[in-house]
N, C-alpha and C. Protein backbone atom coordinates (compact mmCIF):
# COMPACT_ATOMS: atom_id res chain seq x y z
N GLY A 1 0.81 -1.19 0.00
CA GLY A 1 0.00 0.00 0.00
C GLY A 1 0.85 1.25 0.00
N THR A 2 0.21 2.34 -0.16
CA THR A 2 0.86 3.65 -0.23
C THR A 2 1.11 4.23 1.15
N GLY A 3 0.50 3.65 2.17
CA GLY A 3 0.60 4.22 3.50
C GLY A 3 -0.49 5.25 3.76
N PHE A 4 -1.28 5.58 2.75
CA PHE A 4 -2.35 6.56 2.89
C PHE A 4 -3.65 5.85 2.50
N ILE A 5 -4.51 5.60 3.46
CA ILE A 5 -5.71 4.78 3.26
C ILE A 5 -6.60 5.32 2.16
N LYS A 6 -6.60 6.63 1.97
CA LYS A 6 -7.46 7.23 0.95
C LYS A 6 -7.12 6.67 -0.44
N HIS A 7 -5.83 6.43 -0.70
CA HIS A 7 -5.43 5.88 -2.00
C HIS A 7 -5.99 4.47 -2.18
N GLU A 8 -5.98 3.69 -1.12
CA GLU A 8 -6.49 2.32 -1.21
C GLU A 8 -8.01 2.29 -1.36
N LEU A 9 -8.71 3.15 -0.64
CA LEU A 9 -10.16 3.14 -0.68
C LEU A 9 -10.74 3.72 -1.96
N PHE A 10 -10.04 4.70 -2.55
CA PHE A 10 -10.62 5.42 -3.68
C PHE A 10 -9.79 5.33 -4.95
N GLY A 11 -8.84 4.40 -5.00
CA GLY A 11 -8.09 4.17 -6.22
C GLY A 11 -7.33 5.38 -6.74
N ASN A 12 -6.67 6.11 -5.85
CA ASN A 12 -5.87 7.28 -6.21
C ASN A 12 -6.68 8.39 -6.87
N THR A 13 -8.00 8.44 -6.62
CA THR A 13 -8.82 9.52 -7.14
C THR A 13 -9.28 10.39 -5.97
N TRP A 14 -9.87 11.51 -6.30
CA TRP A 14 -10.41 12.39 -5.27
C TRP A 14 -11.62 11.70 -4.69
N GLY A 15 -11.50 11.15 -3.49
CA GLY A 15 -12.54 10.31 -2.93
C GLY A 15 -13.61 11.00 -2.12
N ASP A 16 -13.56 12.31 -2.02
CA ASP A 16 -14.52 13.01 -1.18
C ASP A 16 -15.95 12.84 -1.68
N ALA A 17 -16.12 12.63 -2.97
CA ALA A 17 -17.47 12.48 -3.53
C ALA A 17 -17.81 11.02 -3.81
N ILE A 18 -16.93 10.10 -3.41
CA ILE A 18 -17.14 8.67 -3.65
C ILE A 18 -17.51 8.00 -2.34
N VAL A 19 -18.51 7.14 -2.37
CA VAL A 19 -18.88 6.36 -1.20
C VAL A 19 -18.44 4.92 -1.45
N ASN A 20 -17.50 4.46 -0.66
CA ASN A 20 -17.01 3.10 -0.78
C ASN A 20 -17.78 2.24 0.23
N PRO A 21 -18.65 1.36 -0.23
CA PRO A 21 -19.48 0.57 0.69
C PRO A 21 -18.67 -0.27 1.67
N ARG A 22 -17.45 -0.66 1.28
CA ARG A 22 -16.62 -1.49 2.16
C ARG A 22 -16.36 -0.80 3.50
N CYS A 23 -16.29 0.53 3.48
CA CYS A 23 -16.04 1.27 4.73
C CYS A 23 -17.16 1.05 5.74
N TYR A 24 -18.34 0.73 5.26
CA TYR A 24 -19.53 0.63 6.12
C TYR A 24 -19.93 -0.82 6.37
N THR A 25 -19.66 -1.70 5.44
CA THR A 25 -20.02 -3.11 5.63
C THR A 25 -19.00 -3.83 6.49
N ASP A 26 -17.79 -3.28 6.60
CA ASP A 26 -16.73 -3.91 7.39
C ASP A 26 -16.53 -3.26 8.75
N SER A 27 -17.52 -2.47 9.21
CA SER A 27 -17.37 -1.80 10.50
C SER A 27 -18.73 -1.69 11.18
N TRP A 28 -18.69 -1.52 12.50
CA TRP A 28 -19.93 -1.43 13.27
C TRP A 28 -20.44 0.00 13.36
N PHE A 29 -19.54 0.98 13.31
CA PHE A 29 -19.93 2.38 13.36
C PHE A 29 -18.81 3.23 12.76
N SER A 30 -19.15 4.47 12.44
CA SER A 30 -18.17 5.40 11.88
C SER A 30 -17.73 6.41 12.93
N LEU A 31 -16.46 6.71 12.95
CA LEU A 31 -15.96 7.85 13.69
C LEU A 31 -15.75 8.94 12.64
N VAL A 32 -16.61 9.94 12.69
CA VAL A 32 -16.56 11.04 11.73
C VAL A 32 -15.68 12.14 12.32
N THR A 33 -14.56 12.41 11.68
CA THR A 33 -13.69 13.51 12.10
C THR A 33 -13.97 14.68 11.16
N GLU A 34 -14.85 15.53 11.60
CA GLU A 34 -15.33 16.63 10.77
C GLU A 34 -14.24 17.68 10.59
N THR A 35 -14.39 18.52 9.59
CA THR A 35 -13.39 19.53 9.23
C THR A 35 -13.16 20.53 10.37
N ILE A 36 -14.22 20.97 10.99
CA ILE A 36 -14.13 21.97 12.06
C ILE A 36 -14.20 21.29 13.42
N PHE A 37 -13.23 21.57 14.29
CA PHE A 37 -13.25 20.99 15.63
C PHE A 37 -13.22 22.07 16.71
N ASP A 38 -12.49 23.13 16.48
CA ASP A 38 -12.34 24.11 17.56
C ASP A 38 -12.86 25.50 17.21
N TYR A 39 -13.71 25.61 16.22
CA TYR A 39 -14.36 26.88 15.90
C TYR A 39 -15.76 26.88 16.50
N PRO A 40 -16.36 28.05 16.70
CA PRO A 40 -17.66 28.12 17.38
C PRO A 40 -18.87 27.90 16.46
N HIS A 41 -18.68 27.26 15.32
CA HIS A 41 -19.81 27.02 14.43
C HIS A 41 -19.65 25.67 13.74
N SER A 42 -20.76 25.10 13.32
CA SER A 42 -20.74 23.80 12.65
C SER A 42 -20.56 23.97 11.16
N PHE A 43 -19.87 23.02 10.59
CA PHE A 43 -19.67 22.96 9.15
C PHE A 43 -19.82 21.50 8.74
N ARG A 44 -21.02 21.15 8.30
CA ARG A 44 -21.28 19.76 7.92
C ARG A 44 -20.77 19.52 6.50
N THR A 45 -19.98 18.46 6.34
CA THR A 45 -19.40 18.13 5.05
C THR A 45 -19.83 16.72 4.64
N GLU A 46 -19.23 16.25 3.57
CA GLU A 46 -19.50 14.89 3.11
C GLU A 46 -19.14 13.86 4.17
N LYS A 47 -18.28 14.24 5.11
CA LYS A 47 -17.84 13.29 6.12
C LYS A 47 -18.99 12.75 6.96
N ILE A 48 -19.99 13.59 7.27
CA ILE A 48 -21.15 13.12 8.03
C ILE A 48 -22.21 12.53 7.12
N TYR A 49 -22.32 13.07 5.91
CA TYR A 49 -23.38 12.61 5.02
C TYR A 49 -23.12 11.22 4.45
N LYS A 50 -21.86 10.81 4.37
CA LYS A 50 -21.57 9.46 3.86
C LYS A 50 -22.12 8.37 4.79
N PRO A 51 -21.83 8.38 6.09
CA PRO A 51 -22.42 7.34 6.93
C PRO A 51 -23.95 7.46 7.00
N ILE A 52 -24.48 8.67 6.94
CA ILE A 52 -25.94 8.82 6.94
C ILE A 52 -26.50 8.17 5.68
N LEU A 53 -25.90 8.43 4.54
CA LEU A 53 -26.33 7.84 3.27
C LEU A 53 -26.28 6.31 3.33
N MET A 54 -25.29 5.78 4.01
CA MET A 54 -25.10 4.33 4.09
C MET A 54 -25.83 3.70 5.28
N ALA A 55 -26.66 4.48 5.99
CA ALA A 55 -27.41 4.00 7.16
C ALA A 55 -26.47 3.37 8.19
N HIS A 56 -25.43 4.11 8.51
CA HIS A 56 -24.38 3.63 9.42
C HIS A 56 -24.36 4.51 10.67
N PRO A 57 -24.33 3.91 11.86
CA PRO A 57 -24.25 4.72 13.08
C PRO A 57 -22.91 5.45 13.16
N PHE A 58 -22.88 6.55 13.92
CA PHE A 58 -21.67 7.37 13.95
C PHE A 58 -21.47 8.04 15.30
N VAL A 59 -20.21 8.37 15.55
CA VAL A 59 -19.77 9.27 16.62
C VAL A 59 -19.02 10.37 15.88
N VAL A 60 -19.23 11.63 16.28
CA VAL A 60 -18.64 12.74 15.55
C VAL A 60 -17.64 13.51 16.41
N ALA A 61 -16.43 13.67 15.88
CA ALA A 61 -15.43 14.56 16.47
C ALA A 61 -15.54 15.87 15.71
N ALA A 62 -16.16 16.86 16.34
CA ALA A 62 -16.41 18.14 15.68
C ALA A 62 -16.52 19.23 16.74
N ASN A 63 -16.93 20.40 16.30
CA ASN A 63 -17.06 21.55 17.19
C ASN A 63 -18.15 21.33 18.24
N ARG A 64 -18.11 22.14 19.28
CA ARG A 64 -19.15 22.12 20.30
C ARG A 64 -20.49 22.44 19.63
N GLY A 65 -21.50 21.65 19.92
CA GLY A 65 -22.84 21.90 19.40
C GLY A 65 -23.12 21.29 18.04
N TYR A 66 -22.18 20.54 17.50
CA TYR A 66 -22.37 19.94 16.18
C TYR A 66 -23.58 19.01 16.15
N LEU A 67 -23.68 18.12 17.15
CA LEU A 67 -24.81 17.19 17.18
C LEU A 67 -26.13 17.94 17.38
N LYS A 68 -26.10 18.98 18.19
CA LYS A 68 -27.29 19.81 18.38
C LYS A 68 -27.72 20.43 17.05
N ASP A 69 -26.75 20.95 16.30
CA ASP A 69 -27.05 21.53 14.99
C ASP A 69 -27.56 20.47 14.02
N LEU A 70 -27.02 19.28 14.09
CA LEU A 70 -27.49 18.18 13.24
C LEU A 70 -28.94 17.84 13.58
N ARG A 71 -29.25 17.80 14.87
CA ARG A 71 -30.64 17.54 15.29
C ARG A 71 -31.56 18.68 14.87
N ASN A 72 -31.06 19.92 14.89
CA ASN A 72 -31.86 21.06 14.43
C ASN A 72 -32.19 20.95 12.94
N ALA A 73 -31.37 20.21 12.20
CA ALA A 73 -31.65 19.94 10.79
C ALA A 73 -32.54 18.70 10.65
N VAL A 74 -33.11 18.26 11.75
CA VAL A 74 -34.08 17.17 11.88
C VAL A 74 -33.47 15.78 11.59
N PHE A 75 -32.15 15.66 11.80
CA PHE A 75 -31.53 14.34 11.82
C PHE A 75 -31.57 13.85 13.26
N LYS A 76 -31.47 12.55 13.45
CA LYS A 76 -31.46 11.97 14.79
C LYS A 76 -30.05 11.52 15.13
N THR A 77 -29.73 11.58 16.42
CA THR A 77 -28.45 11.06 16.89
C THR A 77 -28.73 9.92 17.86
N PHE A 78 -27.74 9.47 18.58
CA PHE A 78 -27.83 8.21 19.31
C PHE A 78 -27.74 8.39 20.83
N SER A 79 -28.24 9.52 21.33
CA SER A 79 -28.07 9.84 22.75
C SER A 79 -28.74 8.85 23.69
N HIS A 80 -29.74 8.13 23.21
CA HIS A 80 -30.37 7.13 24.08
C HIS A 80 -29.55 5.83 24.11
N LEU A 81 -28.54 5.72 23.26
CA LEU A 81 -27.70 4.52 23.20
C LEU A 81 -26.28 4.76 23.71
N ILE A 82 -25.77 5.97 23.50
CA ILE A 82 -24.40 6.30 23.89
C ILE A 82 -24.37 7.67 24.56
N ASP A 83 -23.26 7.96 25.23
CA ASP A 83 -23.08 9.25 25.88
C ASP A 83 -22.66 10.28 24.83
N GLU A 84 -23.56 11.21 24.50
CA GLU A 84 -23.25 12.27 23.56
C GLU A 84 -23.06 13.63 24.26
N ASN A 85 -22.85 13.60 25.56
CA ASN A 85 -22.66 14.85 26.30
C ASN A 85 -21.40 15.59 25.87
N TYR A 86 -20.47 14.90 25.22
CA TYR A 86 -19.26 15.55 24.72
C TYR A 86 -19.60 16.73 23.79
N ASP A 87 -20.76 16.68 23.17
CA ASP A 87 -21.15 17.70 22.20
C ASP A 87 -21.26 19.09 22.83
N GLN A 88 -21.44 19.17 24.12
CA GLN A 88 -21.63 20.46 24.80
C GLN A 88 -20.39 20.94 25.56
N ILE A 89 -19.26 20.31 25.33
CA ILE A 89 -18.03 20.68 26.03
C ILE A 89 -17.26 21.72 25.22
N ASP A 90 -16.98 22.86 25.85
CA ASP A 90 -16.28 23.96 25.18
C ASP A 90 -14.82 23.64 24.88
N CYS A 91 -14.10 23.14 25.83
CA CYS A 91 -12.66 22.92 25.71
C CYS A 91 -12.38 21.78 24.72
N PRO A 92 -11.69 22.06 23.61
CA PRO A 92 -11.44 21.02 22.60
C PRO A 92 -10.72 19.78 23.14
N SER A 93 -9.71 19.97 24.00
CA SER A 93 -8.98 18.80 24.50
C SER A 93 -9.85 17.95 25.42
N THR A 94 -10.69 18.59 26.21
CA THR A 94 -11.62 17.84 27.07
C THR A 94 -12.68 17.15 26.21
N ARG A 95 -13.17 17.84 25.17
CA ARG A 95 -14.17 17.26 24.28
C ARG A 95 -13.63 16.00 23.60
N ILE A 96 -12.39 16.05 23.09
CA ILE A 96 -11.84 14.88 22.40
C ILE A 96 -11.64 13.72 23.38
N GLU A 97 -11.28 14.03 24.62
CA GLU A 97 -11.16 12.96 25.63
C GLU A 97 -12.50 12.29 25.88
N ARG A 98 -13.56 13.07 25.95
CA ARG A 98 -14.90 12.50 26.15
C ARG A 98 -15.36 11.71 24.92
N ILE A 99 -14.98 12.16 23.73
CA ILE A 99 -15.30 11.40 22.52
C ILE A 99 -14.61 10.05 22.56
N ILE A 100 -13.35 10.05 22.97
CA ILE A 100 -12.60 8.79 23.11
C ILE A 100 -13.29 7.90 24.13
N ASP A 101 -13.73 8.48 25.24
CA ASP A 101 -14.45 7.71 26.26
C ASP A 101 -15.74 7.11 25.69
N THR A 102 -16.44 7.88 24.86
CA THR A 102 -17.68 7.39 24.24
C THR A 102 -17.38 6.20 23.33
N ILE A 103 -16.33 6.31 22.53
CA ILE A 103 -15.95 5.21 21.64
C ILE A 103 -15.53 3.99 22.46
N ARG A 104 -14.78 4.22 23.52
CA ARG A 104 -14.38 3.13 24.40
C ARG A 104 -15.62 2.47 25.01
N GLY A 105 -16.61 3.30 25.38
CA GLY A 105 -17.85 2.76 25.93
C GLY A 105 -18.59 1.89 24.94
N ILE A 106 -18.65 2.31 23.70
CA ILE A 106 -19.30 1.50 22.66
C ILE A 106 -18.55 0.18 22.49
N SER A 107 -17.25 0.26 22.43
CA SER A 107 -16.43 -0.91 22.13
C SER A 107 -16.36 -1.89 23.29
N LEU A 108 -16.33 -1.38 24.51
CA LEU A 108 -16.13 -2.25 25.65
C LEU A 108 -17.42 -2.62 26.38
N HIS A 109 -18.23 -1.62 26.70
CA HIS A 109 -19.35 -1.85 27.60
C HIS A 109 -20.56 -2.46 26.89
N SER A 110 -21.10 -1.76 25.95
CA SER A 110 -22.31 -2.25 25.29
C SER A 110 -22.01 -3.17 24.12
N GLY A 111 -20.84 -3.04 23.56
CA GLY A 111 -20.46 -3.83 22.40
C GLY A 111 -20.87 -3.14 21.12
N ALA A 112 -19.93 -3.07 20.18
CA ALA A 112 -20.17 -2.37 18.93
C ALA A 112 -21.28 -3.03 18.11
N ALA A 113 -21.36 -4.34 18.16
CA ALA A 113 -22.42 -5.02 17.41
C ALA A 113 -23.79 -4.66 17.98
N HIS A 114 -23.89 -4.56 19.29
CA HIS A 114 -25.15 -4.16 19.92
C HIS A 114 -25.52 -2.73 19.53
N PHE A 115 -24.53 -1.82 19.54
CA PHE A 115 -24.77 -0.43 19.15
C PHE A 115 -25.28 -0.39 17.71
N TRP A 116 -24.65 -1.13 16.83
CA TRP A 116 -25.07 -1.16 15.43
C TRP A 116 -26.52 -1.64 15.32
N GLU A 117 -26.82 -2.73 15.98
CA GLU A 117 -28.18 -3.30 15.90
C GLU A 117 -29.21 -2.36 16.52
N ALA A 118 -28.91 -1.78 17.66
CA ALA A 118 -29.86 -0.90 18.36
C ALA A 118 -30.07 0.43 17.62
N SER A 119 -29.17 0.77 16.73
CA SER A 119 -29.26 2.05 16.02
C SER A 119 -29.95 1.95 14.66
N ARG A 120 -30.40 0.77 14.26
CA ARG A 120 -30.93 0.56 12.91
C ARG A 120 -32.07 1.52 12.56
N ASP A 121 -33.02 1.70 13.46
CA ASP A 121 -34.17 2.57 13.15
C ASP A 121 -33.73 4.02 12.94
N ILE A 122 -32.81 4.50 13.78
CA ILE A 122 -32.30 5.86 13.62
C ILE A 122 -31.57 6.00 12.29
N CYS A 123 -30.74 5.03 11.98
CA CYS A 123 -29.95 5.09 10.74
C CYS A 123 -30.85 5.08 9.51
N LYS A 124 -31.88 4.27 9.52
CA LYS A 124 -32.81 4.24 8.38
C LYS A 124 -33.58 5.56 8.28
N TYR A 125 -34.00 6.10 9.42
CA TYR A 125 -34.68 7.40 9.41
C TYR A 125 -33.75 8.46 8.80
N ASN A 126 -32.51 8.54 9.29
CA ASN A 126 -31.57 9.55 8.81
C ASN A 126 -31.32 9.40 7.31
N GLN A 127 -31.21 8.17 6.85
CA GLN A 127 -30.98 7.91 5.43
C GLN A 127 -32.15 8.46 4.60
N GLN A 128 -33.35 8.20 5.03
CA GLN A 128 -34.53 8.68 4.32
C GLN A 128 -34.65 10.21 4.43
N HIS A 129 -34.35 10.75 5.61
CA HIS A 129 -34.43 12.19 5.81
C HIS A 129 -33.40 12.91 4.93
N LEU A 130 -32.24 12.31 4.71
CA LEU A 130 -31.21 12.93 3.90
C LEU A 130 -31.71 13.22 2.48
N VAL A 131 -32.52 12.35 1.94
CA VAL A 131 -33.08 12.57 0.60
C VAL A 131 -33.94 13.84 0.60
N GLU A 132 -34.82 13.96 1.58
CA GLU A 132 -35.68 15.14 1.68
C GLU A 132 -34.87 16.39 2.01
N TYR A 133 -33.93 16.27 2.90
CA TYR A 133 -33.08 17.40 3.30
C TYR A 133 -32.31 17.93 2.08
N ASN A 134 -31.77 17.02 1.29
CA ASN A 134 -31.03 17.40 0.08
C ASN A 134 -31.95 18.17 -0.88
N ARG A 135 -33.17 17.68 -1.05
CA ARG A 135 -34.13 18.35 -1.92
C ARG A 135 -34.42 19.76 -1.41
N GLN A 136 -34.65 19.89 -0.11
CA GLN A 136 -34.94 21.19 0.49
C GLN A 136 -33.77 22.16 0.33
N GLN A 137 -32.57 21.68 0.56
CA GLN A 137 -31.38 22.54 0.45
C GLN A 137 -31.17 23.00 -0.98
N ARG A 138 -31.36 22.11 -1.93
CA ARG A 138 -31.20 22.47 -3.35
C ARG A 138 -32.26 23.50 -3.76
N ALA A 139 -33.48 23.34 -3.27
CA ALA A 139 -34.55 24.28 -3.62
C ALA A 139 -34.30 25.65 -3.00
N ALA A 140 -33.73 25.69 -1.81
CA ALA A 140 -33.52 26.96 -1.10
C ALA A 140 -32.26 27.69 -1.56
N LEU A 141 -31.34 27.02 -2.20
CA LEU A 141 -30.05 27.62 -2.55
C LEU A 141 -30.16 28.87 -3.42
N PRO A 142 -30.90 28.88 -4.51
CA PRO A 142 -30.94 30.11 -5.33
C PRO A 142 -31.41 31.34 -4.56
N THR A 143 -32.44 31.20 -3.77
CA THR A 143 -32.95 32.34 -3.00
C THR A 143 -31.94 32.77 -1.95
N ALA A 144 -31.35 31.82 -1.25
CA ALA A 144 -30.37 32.15 -0.21
C ALA A 144 -29.14 32.82 -0.83
N LEU A 145 -28.70 32.34 -1.97
CA LEU A 145 -27.54 32.94 -2.64
C LEU A 145 -27.86 34.36 -3.10
N GLU A 146 -29.03 34.56 -3.67
CA GLU A 146 -29.43 35.89 -4.12
C GLU A 146 -29.50 36.85 -2.94
N GLN A 147 -30.08 36.41 -1.83
CA GLN A 147 -30.18 37.26 -0.64
C GLN A 147 -28.78 37.60 -0.12
N TYR A 148 -27.91 36.61 -0.08
CA TYR A 148 -26.54 36.83 0.38
C TYR A 148 -25.84 37.87 -0.49
N LEU A 149 -25.95 37.72 -1.80
CA LEU A 149 -25.29 38.66 -2.71
C LEU A 149 -25.90 40.06 -2.62
N ASN A 150 -27.21 40.16 -2.48
CA ASN A 150 -27.87 41.46 -2.35
C ASN A 150 -27.45 42.19 -1.08
N GLU A 151 -27.26 41.45 0.00
CA GLU A 151 -26.85 42.06 1.27
C GLU A 151 -25.43 42.58 1.23
N ARG A 152 -24.64 42.09 0.29
CA ARG A 152 -23.23 42.46 0.23
C ARG A 152 -22.90 43.35 -0.96
N SER A 153 -23.91 43.79 -1.69
CA SER A 153 -23.62 44.64 -2.85
C SER A 153 -23.91 46.10 -2.57
């Protein structure tokens, strides 16, 4: 191998727009390391939408309030199955420690297979919601872009 997993998963192409099913069929959950971790706002990228598209449970390493913002977009998270309190921690180093604890809890205490099985309904809901959410975002984009440009001209 090249030493860089992206080359192996995506055949030396720009893989950000490619969904490799092997990433989801060979694992119990995804650890999403989002682009923004220590800024005061959320920036959802393909990194979160790929596991949602594949109906795969996830833990997210991102900015404070990321999961809250995701829920505000009417996606569901897994707070009834795992400890998601890390989402409200301001200090980035403390937040990442709690994320590690959450992953350790999934892996050791409840078992990753149990987490995967118990999350099926949420994952299917999120997958279906993503289709509608995408439609809504595409429909709203022209108006939002025009408003943005008008406010700055």
